[in-house]
Amino acid sequence: MGGDRQSVKTYVPAEQKDVWRNHADELDMSLSEFVRTMIQAGRKGFAPTESSGDEEPASDPSDPGGRDLETRVHAVLESGPRSWDELVEAVIGDVEDELEATLDDLQDQNRVRYSGRDGGYVLTDE
């Protein structure tokens, strides 16, 4: 990786950011350095390797993140007890943020556009 740095922006629930900041502080790292390090560490799990037969099965196509909801709930609860409504809000907030980012990307790629005439988002002809 070169020295030319680029900014990357993402949205996470406030509770998640607090957990990350606390963990970064414990490791005497900046939040940016912590996130960068954790992403790189996580990506190593996606590298193709020879199968030993002991790995967990691939995720179900209907749940491509495979236990992603479980991971999000766990992350929210790391900062303390949450009511049912708080958990629902945190999980839905994640989905709303992901949807917004995805729609932004699709619009940037000119694959989707918003059409008031059609009543919402539509696929482009490309």
N, C-alpha and C. Protein backbone atom coordinates (compact mmCIF):
# COMPACT_ATOMS: atom_id res chain seq x y z
N MET A 1 0.84 -1.18 0.00
CA MET A 1 0.00 0.00 0.00
C MET A 1 0.88 1.24 0.00
N GLY A 2 0.54 2.17 -0.87
CA GLY A 2 1.33 3.38 -0.99
C GLY A 2 0.98 4.39 0.08
N GLY A 3 1.68 5.51 0.01
CA GLY A 3 1.46 6.56 0.98
C GLY A 3 0.30 7.48 0.63
N ASP A 4 -0.25 7.36 -0.58
CA ASP A 4 -1.38 8.19 -0.98
C ASP A 4 -2.62 7.72 -0.25
N ARG A 5 -3.16 8.56 0.62
CA ARG A 5 -4.31 8.17 1.43
C ARG A 5 -5.59 8.74 0.87
N GLN A 6 -6.66 7.98 0.99
CA GLN A 6 -7.99 8.38 0.57
C GLN A 6 -8.92 8.24 1.76
N SER A 7 -9.92 9.09 1.82
CA SER A 7 -10.91 9.03 2.88
C SER A 7 -12.01 8.05 2.51
N VAL A 8 -12.47 7.28 3.49
CA VAL A 8 -13.60 6.37 3.33
C VAL A 8 -14.59 6.71 4.42
N LYS A 9 -15.86 6.82 4.06
CA LYS A 9 -16.88 7.19 5.05
C LYS A 9 -17.89 6.07 5.18
N THR A 10 -18.26 5.78 6.43
CA THR A 10 -19.29 4.79 6.69
C THR A 10 -20.11 5.26 7.88
N TYR A 11 -21.26 4.67 8.05
CA TYR A 11 -22.14 5.02 9.16
C TYR A 11 -22.38 3.80 10.02
N VAL A 12 -22.20 3.98 11.33
CA VAL A 12 -22.46 2.91 12.29
C VAL A 12 -23.27 3.50 13.43
N PRO A 13 -23.99 2.66 14.16
CA PRO A 13 -24.71 3.18 15.33
C PRO A 13 -23.74 3.80 16.33
N ALA A 14 -24.20 4.82 17.04
CA ALA A 14 -23.35 5.52 18.01
C ALA A 14 -22.75 4.54 19.02
N GLU A 15 -23.53 3.55 19.43
CA GLU A 15 -23.03 2.58 20.39
C GLU A 15 -21.85 1.80 19.82
N GLN A 16 -21.93 1.46 18.53
CA GLN A 16 -20.84 0.72 17.90
C GLN A 16 -19.58 1.58 17.85
N LYS A 17 -19.74 2.84 17.49
CA LYS A 17 -18.58 3.73 17.45
C LYS A 17 -17.94 3.86 18.82
N ASP A 18 -18.76 3.95 19.87
CA ASP A 18 -18.23 4.02 21.24
C ASP A 18 -17.43 2.77 21.59
N VAL A 19 -17.94 1.60 21.20
CA VAL A 19 -17.23 0.35 21.46
C VAL A 19 -15.89 0.36 20.73
N TRP A 20 -15.90 0.77 19.46
CA TRP A 20 -14.66 0.81 18.68
C TRP A 20 -13.67 1.81 19.28
N ARG A 21 -14.18 2.99 19.66
CA ARG A 21 -13.29 4.02 20.23
C ARG A 21 -12.65 3.51 21.53
N ASN A 22 -13.45 2.87 22.39
CA ASN A 22 -12.92 2.33 23.64
C ASN A 22 -11.85 1.27 23.38
N HIS A 23 -12.13 0.40 22.42
CA HIS A 23 -11.16 -0.65 22.10
C HIS A 23 -9.89 -0.03 21.52
N ALA A 24 -10.05 0.97 20.65
CA ALA A 24 -8.89 1.66 20.08
C ALA A 24 -8.07 2.31 21.19
N ASP A 25 -8.74 2.94 22.14
CA ASP A 25 -8.04 3.57 23.27
C ASP A 25 -7.25 2.53 24.07
N GLU A 26 -7.87 1.36 24.30
CA GLU A 26 -7.18 0.30 25.04
C GLU A 26 -5.91 -0.15 24.32
N LEU A 27 -5.93 -0.09 22.99
CA LEU A 27 -4.78 -0.51 22.19
C LEU A 27 -3.85 0.66 21.86
N ASP A 28 -4.17 1.84 22.42
CA ASP A 28 -3.39 3.05 22.17
C ASP A 28 -3.30 3.34 20.67
N MET A 29 -4.46 3.26 19.99
CA MET A 29 -4.55 3.52 18.56
C MET A 29 -5.57 4.62 18.33
N SER A 30 -5.43 5.31 17.20
CA SER A 30 -6.49 6.23 16.79
C SER A 30 -7.66 5.38 16.30
N LEU A 31 -8.84 5.99 16.24
CA LEU A 31 -10.00 5.26 15.74
C LEU A 31 -9.79 4.85 14.29
N SER A 32 -9.23 5.74 13.48
CA SER A 32 -8.97 5.41 12.07
C SER A 32 -8.01 4.22 11.95
N GLU A 33 -6.96 4.25 12.74
CA GLU A 33 -5.99 3.16 12.71
C GLU A 33 -6.64 1.85 13.15
N PHE A 34 -7.47 1.92 14.18
CA PHE A 34 -8.16 0.73 14.68
C PHE A 34 -9.07 0.13 13.60
N VAL A 35 -9.91 0.98 12.98
CA VAL A 35 -10.84 0.50 11.96
C VAL A 35 -10.06 -0.09 10.79
N ARG A 36 -9.02 0.59 10.34
CA ARG A 36 -8.19 0.11 9.23
C ARG A 36 -7.60 -1.26 9.57
N THR A 37 -7.08 -1.39 10.78
CA THR A 37 -6.47 -2.65 11.21
C THR A 37 -7.50 -3.78 11.30
N MET A 38 -8.66 -3.48 11.85
CA MET A 38 -9.69 -4.51 11.99
C MET A 38 -10.23 -4.95 10.63
N ILE A 39 -10.36 -4.02 9.71
CA ILE A 39 -10.82 -4.39 8.36
C ILE A 39 -9.80 -5.29 7.70
N GLN A 40 -8.53 -4.92 7.79
CA GLN A 40 -7.49 -5.75 7.19
C GLN A 40 -7.47 -7.14 7.82
N ALA A 41 -7.61 -7.20 9.14
CA ALA A 41 -7.63 -8.49 9.83
C ALA A 41 -8.82 -9.32 9.39
N GLY A 42 -9.97 -8.67 9.26
CA GLY A 42 -11.17 -9.38 8.82
C GLY A 42 -11.08 -9.87 7.40
N ARG A 43 -10.43 -9.11 6.55
CA ARG A 43 -10.30 -9.49 5.14
C ARG A 43 -9.48 -10.76 4.97
N LYS A 44 -8.58 -11.01 5.90
CA LYS A 44 -7.76 -12.22 5.80
C LYS A 44 -8.62 -13.46 5.82
N GLY A 45 -9.79 -13.39 6.47
CA GLY A 45 -10.71 -14.51 6.51
C GLY A 45 -11.40 -14.74 5.17
N PHE A 46 -11.26 -13.81 4.23
CA PHE A 46 -11.90 -13.95 2.93
C PHE A 46 -10.94 -14.42 1.86
N ALA A 47 -9.67 -14.56 2.21
CA ALA A 47 -8.68 -15.00 1.23
C ALA A 47 -8.94 -16.46 0.89
N PRO A 48 -8.87 -16.82 -0.41
CA PRO A 48 -9.07 -18.22 -0.77
C PRO A 48 -7.95 -19.08 -0.21
N THR A 49 -8.33 -20.16 0.44
CA THR A 49 -7.35 -21.09 1.00
C THR A 49 -7.80 -22.50 0.67
N GLU A 50 -6.87 -23.44 0.81
CA GLU A 50 -7.24 -24.83 0.62
C GLU A 50 -8.13 -25.28 1.76
N SER A 51 -9.14 -26.03 1.44
CA SER A 51 -10.08 -26.48 2.46
C SER A 51 -9.52 -27.67 3.22
N SER A 52 -9.62 -27.58 4.54
CA SER A 52 -9.18 -28.71 5.36
C SER A 52 -10.38 -29.55 5.78
N GLY A 53 -11.59 -29.07 5.44
CA GLY A 53 -12.79 -29.80 5.81
C GLY A 53 -13.32 -29.41 7.17
N ASP A 54 -12.55 -28.61 7.94
CA ASP A 54 -12.97 -28.22 9.28
C ASP A 54 -13.69 -26.88 9.32
N GLU A 55 -13.76 -26.18 8.18
CA GLU A 55 -14.35 -24.86 8.15
C GLU A 55 -15.86 -24.95 8.29
N GLU A 56 -16.45 -23.81 8.71
CA GLU A 56 -17.90 -23.73 8.74
C GLU A 56 -18.40 -23.76 7.31
N PRO A 57 -19.59 -24.29 7.06
CA PRO A 57 -20.12 -24.30 5.70
C PRO A 57 -20.33 -22.87 5.21
N ALA A 58 -20.33 -22.70 3.89
CA ALA A 58 -20.58 -21.39 3.30
C ALA A 58 -21.94 -20.89 3.75
N SER A 59 -22.07 -19.57 3.77
CA SER A 59 -23.34 -19.01 4.24
C SER A 59 -24.47 -19.32 3.28
N ASP A 60 -25.64 -19.41 3.83
CA ASP A 60 -26.85 -19.65 3.07
C ASP A 60 -27.08 -18.48 2.12
N PRO A 61 -27.41 -18.73 0.84
CA PRO A 61 -27.62 -17.63 -0.10
C PRO A 61 -28.70 -16.65 0.36
N SER A 62 -29.65 -17.09 1.16
CA SER A 62 -30.69 -16.18 1.64
C SER A 62 -30.16 -15.28 2.76
N ASP A 63 -28.98 -15.59 3.30
CA ASP A 63 -28.35 -14.79 4.34
C ASP A 63 -26.88 -14.64 3.98
N PRO A 64 -26.56 -13.83 2.95
CA PRO A 64 -25.20 -13.77 2.46
C PRO A 64 -24.18 -13.36 3.50
N GLY A 65 -24.57 -12.62 4.52
CA GLY A 65 -23.64 -12.25 5.57
C GLY A 65 -23.45 -13.36 6.56
N GLY A 66 -24.31 -14.37 6.54
CA GLY A 66 -24.21 -15.50 7.44
C GLY A 66 -24.04 -15.08 8.89
N ARG A 67 -25.09 -14.96 9.63
CA ARG A 67 -25.08 -14.56 11.04
C ARG A 67 -24.81 -13.07 11.22
N ASP A 68 -25.01 -12.29 10.17
CA ASP A 68 -24.75 -10.86 10.25
C ASP A 68 -25.63 -10.20 11.30
N LEU A 69 -26.89 -10.59 11.38
CA LEU A 69 -27.79 -10.01 12.38
C LEU A 69 -27.29 -10.34 13.78
N GLU A 70 -26.86 -11.55 13.98
CA GLU A 70 -26.32 -11.95 15.28
C GLU A 70 -25.12 -11.08 15.64
N THR A 71 -24.25 -10.83 14.68
CA THR A 71 -23.08 -9.99 14.90
C THR A 71 -23.49 -8.57 15.28
N ARG A 72 -24.48 -8.02 14.58
CA ARG A 72 -24.92 -6.65 14.87
C ARG A 72 -25.55 -6.56 16.25
N VAL A 73 -26.37 -7.54 16.61
CA VAL A 73 -27.00 -7.53 17.93
C VAL A 73 -25.93 -7.61 19.01
N HIS A 74 -24.97 -8.48 18.82
CA HIS A 74 -23.88 -8.62 19.78
C HIS A 74 -23.13 -7.30 19.94
N ALA A 75 -22.84 -6.63 18.82
CA ALA A 75 -22.11 -5.36 18.88
C ALA A 75 -22.89 -4.30 19.66
N VAL A 76 -24.20 -4.24 19.45
CA VAL A 76 -25.02 -3.25 20.16
C VAL A 76 -25.04 -3.56 21.65
N LEU A 77 -25.14 -4.83 22.00
CA LEU A 77 -25.22 -5.22 23.41
C LEU A 77 -23.89 -5.12 24.15
N GLU A 78 -22.79 -5.00 23.41
CA GLU A 78 -21.49 -4.85 24.06
C GLU A 78 -21.42 -3.60 24.93
N SER A 79 -22.20 -2.58 24.57
CA SER A 79 -22.14 -1.33 25.33
C SER A 79 -23.14 -1.31 26.49
N GLY A 80 -23.86 -2.41 26.70
CA GLY A 80 -24.77 -2.49 27.84
C GLY A 80 -26.15 -2.98 27.44
N PRO A 81 -27.02 -3.15 28.43
CA PRO A 81 -28.37 -3.67 28.17
C PRO A 81 -29.15 -2.74 27.25
N ARG A 82 -29.98 -3.32 26.42
CA ARG A 82 -30.85 -2.58 25.50
C ARG A 82 -32.24 -3.19 25.54
N SER A 83 -33.24 -2.34 25.44
CA SER A 83 -34.62 -2.83 25.36
C SER A 83 -34.86 -3.39 23.96
N TRP A 84 -35.98 -4.07 23.82
CA TRP A 84 -36.38 -4.60 22.51
C TRP A 84 -36.44 -3.47 21.49
N ASP A 85 -37.08 -2.36 21.85
CA ASP A 85 -37.22 -1.24 20.92
C ASP A 85 -35.86 -0.65 20.54
N GLU A 86 -34.94 -0.57 21.49
CA GLU A 86 -33.61 -0.05 21.19
C GLU A 86 -32.85 -0.99 20.24
N LEU A 87 -33.02 -2.29 20.44
CA LEU A 87 -32.37 -3.24 19.54
C LEU A 87 -32.95 -3.14 18.14
N VAL A 88 -34.27 -3.07 18.05
CA VAL A 88 -34.91 -2.93 16.73
C VAL A 88 -34.41 -1.67 16.04
N GLU A 89 -34.37 -0.56 16.76
CA GLU A 89 -33.91 0.70 16.18
C GLU A 89 -32.46 0.60 15.69
N ALA A 90 -31.60 -0.02 16.49
CA ALA A 90 -30.20 -0.16 16.11
C ALA A 90 -30.05 -1.00 14.85
N VAL A 91 -30.77 -2.11 14.77
CA VAL A 91 -30.67 -3.00 13.62
C VAL A 91 -31.27 -2.35 12.39
N ILE A 92 -32.42 -1.74 12.53
CA ILE A 92 -33.06 -1.07 11.39
C ILE A 92 -32.20 0.09 10.93
N GLY A 93 -31.60 0.81 11.87
CA GLY A 93 -30.72 1.91 11.51
C GLY A 93 -29.57 1.44 10.64
N ASP A 94 -29.01 0.28 10.97
CA ASP A 94 -27.93 -0.29 10.15
C ASP A 94 -28.43 -0.55 8.73
N VAL A 95 -29.61 -1.16 8.63
CA VAL A 95 -30.16 -1.50 7.31
C VAL A 95 -30.46 -0.23 6.52
N GLU A 96 -31.02 0.78 7.18
CA GLU A 96 -31.30 2.04 6.49
C GLU A 96 -30.02 2.67 5.97
N ASP A 97 -28.97 2.67 6.79
CA ASP A 97 -27.69 3.23 6.36
C ASP A 97 -27.11 2.44 5.19
N GLU A 98 -27.18 1.12 5.26
CA GLU A 98 -26.68 0.28 4.18
C GLU A 98 -27.48 0.51 2.90
N LEU A 99 -28.81 0.63 3.03
CA LEU A 99 -29.66 0.87 1.87
C LEU A 99 -29.32 2.21 1.23
N GLU A 100 -29.17 3.24 2.05
CA GLU A 100 -28.84 4.56 1.52
C GLU A 100 -27.50 4.53 0.77
N ALA A 101 -26.49 3.91 1.37
CA ALA A 101 -25.18 3.83 0.72
C ALA A 101 -25.26 3.03 -0.58
N THR A 102 -26.03 1.95 -0.57
CA THR A 102 -26.17 1.13 -1.78
C THR A 102 -26.87 1.90 -2.88
N LEU A 103 -27.95 2.60 -2.52
CA LEU A 103 -28.65 3.41 -3.53
C LEU A 103 -27.75 4.51 -4.08
N ASP A 104 -26.96 5.14 -3.21
CA ASP A 104 -26.01 6.16 -3.68
C ASP A 104 -25.02 5.56 -4.68
N ASP A 105 -24.49 4.38 -4.35
CA ASP A 105 -23.55 3.71 -5.25
C ASP A 105 -24.21 3.36 -6.58
N LEU A 106 -25.42 2.81 -6.52
CA LEU A 106 -26.12 2.42 -7.75
C LEU A 106 -26.45 3.64 -8.61
N GLN A 107 -26.79 4.75 -7.97
CA GLN A 107 -27.06 5.97 -8.73
C GLN A 107 -25.76 6.51 -9.34
N ASP A 108 -24.66 6.45 -8.58
CA ASP A 108 -23.37 6.89 -9.11
C ASP A 108 -22.96 6.06 -10.33
N GLN A 109 -23.35 4.79 -10.33
CA GLN A 109 -23.03 3.89 -11.44
C GLN A 109 -24.08 3.98 -12.55
N ASN A 110 -25.07 4.85 -12.36
CA ASN A 110 -26.17 5.04 -13.31
C ASN A 110 -26.94 3.74 -13.56
N ARG A 111 -27.06 2.91 -12.54
CA ARG A 111 -27.83 1.67 -12.65
C ARG A 111 -29.23 1.84 -12.08
N VAL A 112 -29.41 2.87 -11.23
CA VAL A 112 -30.70 3.17 -10.60
C VAL A 112 -30.85 4.68 -10.60
N ARG A 113 -32.08 5.16 -10.72
CA ARG A 113 -32.36 6.59 -10.59
C ARG A 113 -33.67 6.76 -9.85
N TYR A 114 -33.84 7.94 -9.27
CA TYR A 114 -35.10 8.24 -8.60
C TYR A 114 -36.01 8.92 -9.61
N SER A 115 -37.24 8.44 -9.70
CA SER A 115 -38.21 9.01 -10.62
C SER A 115 -39.48 9.36 -9.86
N GLY A 116 -39.72 10.65 -9.69
CA GLY A 116 -40.97 11.09 -9.06
C GLY A 116 -42.18 10.67 -9.87
N ARG A 117 -42.04 10.69 -11.18
CA ARG A 117 -43.15 10.30 -12.06
C ARG A 117 -43.53 8.83 -11.86
N ASP A 118 -42.52 7.99 -11.67
CA ASP A 118 -42.79 6.56 -11.47
C ASP A 118 -43.04 6.21 -10.00
N GLY A 119 -42.85 7.18 -9.13
CA GLY A 119 -43.16 6.96 -7.72
C GLY A 119 -42.05 6.36 -6.89
N GLY A 120 -40.80 6.44 -7.37
CA GLY A 120 -39.70 5.93 -6.56
C GLY A 120 -38.49 5.59 -7.39
N TYR A 121 -37.67 4.75 -6.84
CA TYR A 121 -36.43 4.34 -7.52
C TYR A 121 -36.76 3.33 -8.61
N VAL A 122 -36.07 3.49 -9.74
CA VAL A 122 -36.27 2.58 -10.89
C VAL A 122 -34.90 2.20 -11.45
N LEU A 123 -34.87 1.05 -12.10
CA LEU A 123 -33.66 0.63 -12.80
C LEU A 123 -33.52 1.46 -14.06
N THR A 124 -32.29 1.76 -14.44
CA THR A 124 -32.06 2.44 -15.70
C THR A 124 -32.00 1.40 -16.79
N ASP A 125 -31.96 1.84 -18.02
CA ASP A 125 -31.94 0.91 -19.15
C ASP A 125 -30.58 0.30 -19.39
N GLU A 126 -29.56 0.77 -18.68
CA GLU A 126 -28.20 0.25 -18.90
C GLU A 126 -28.01 -1.10 -18.30
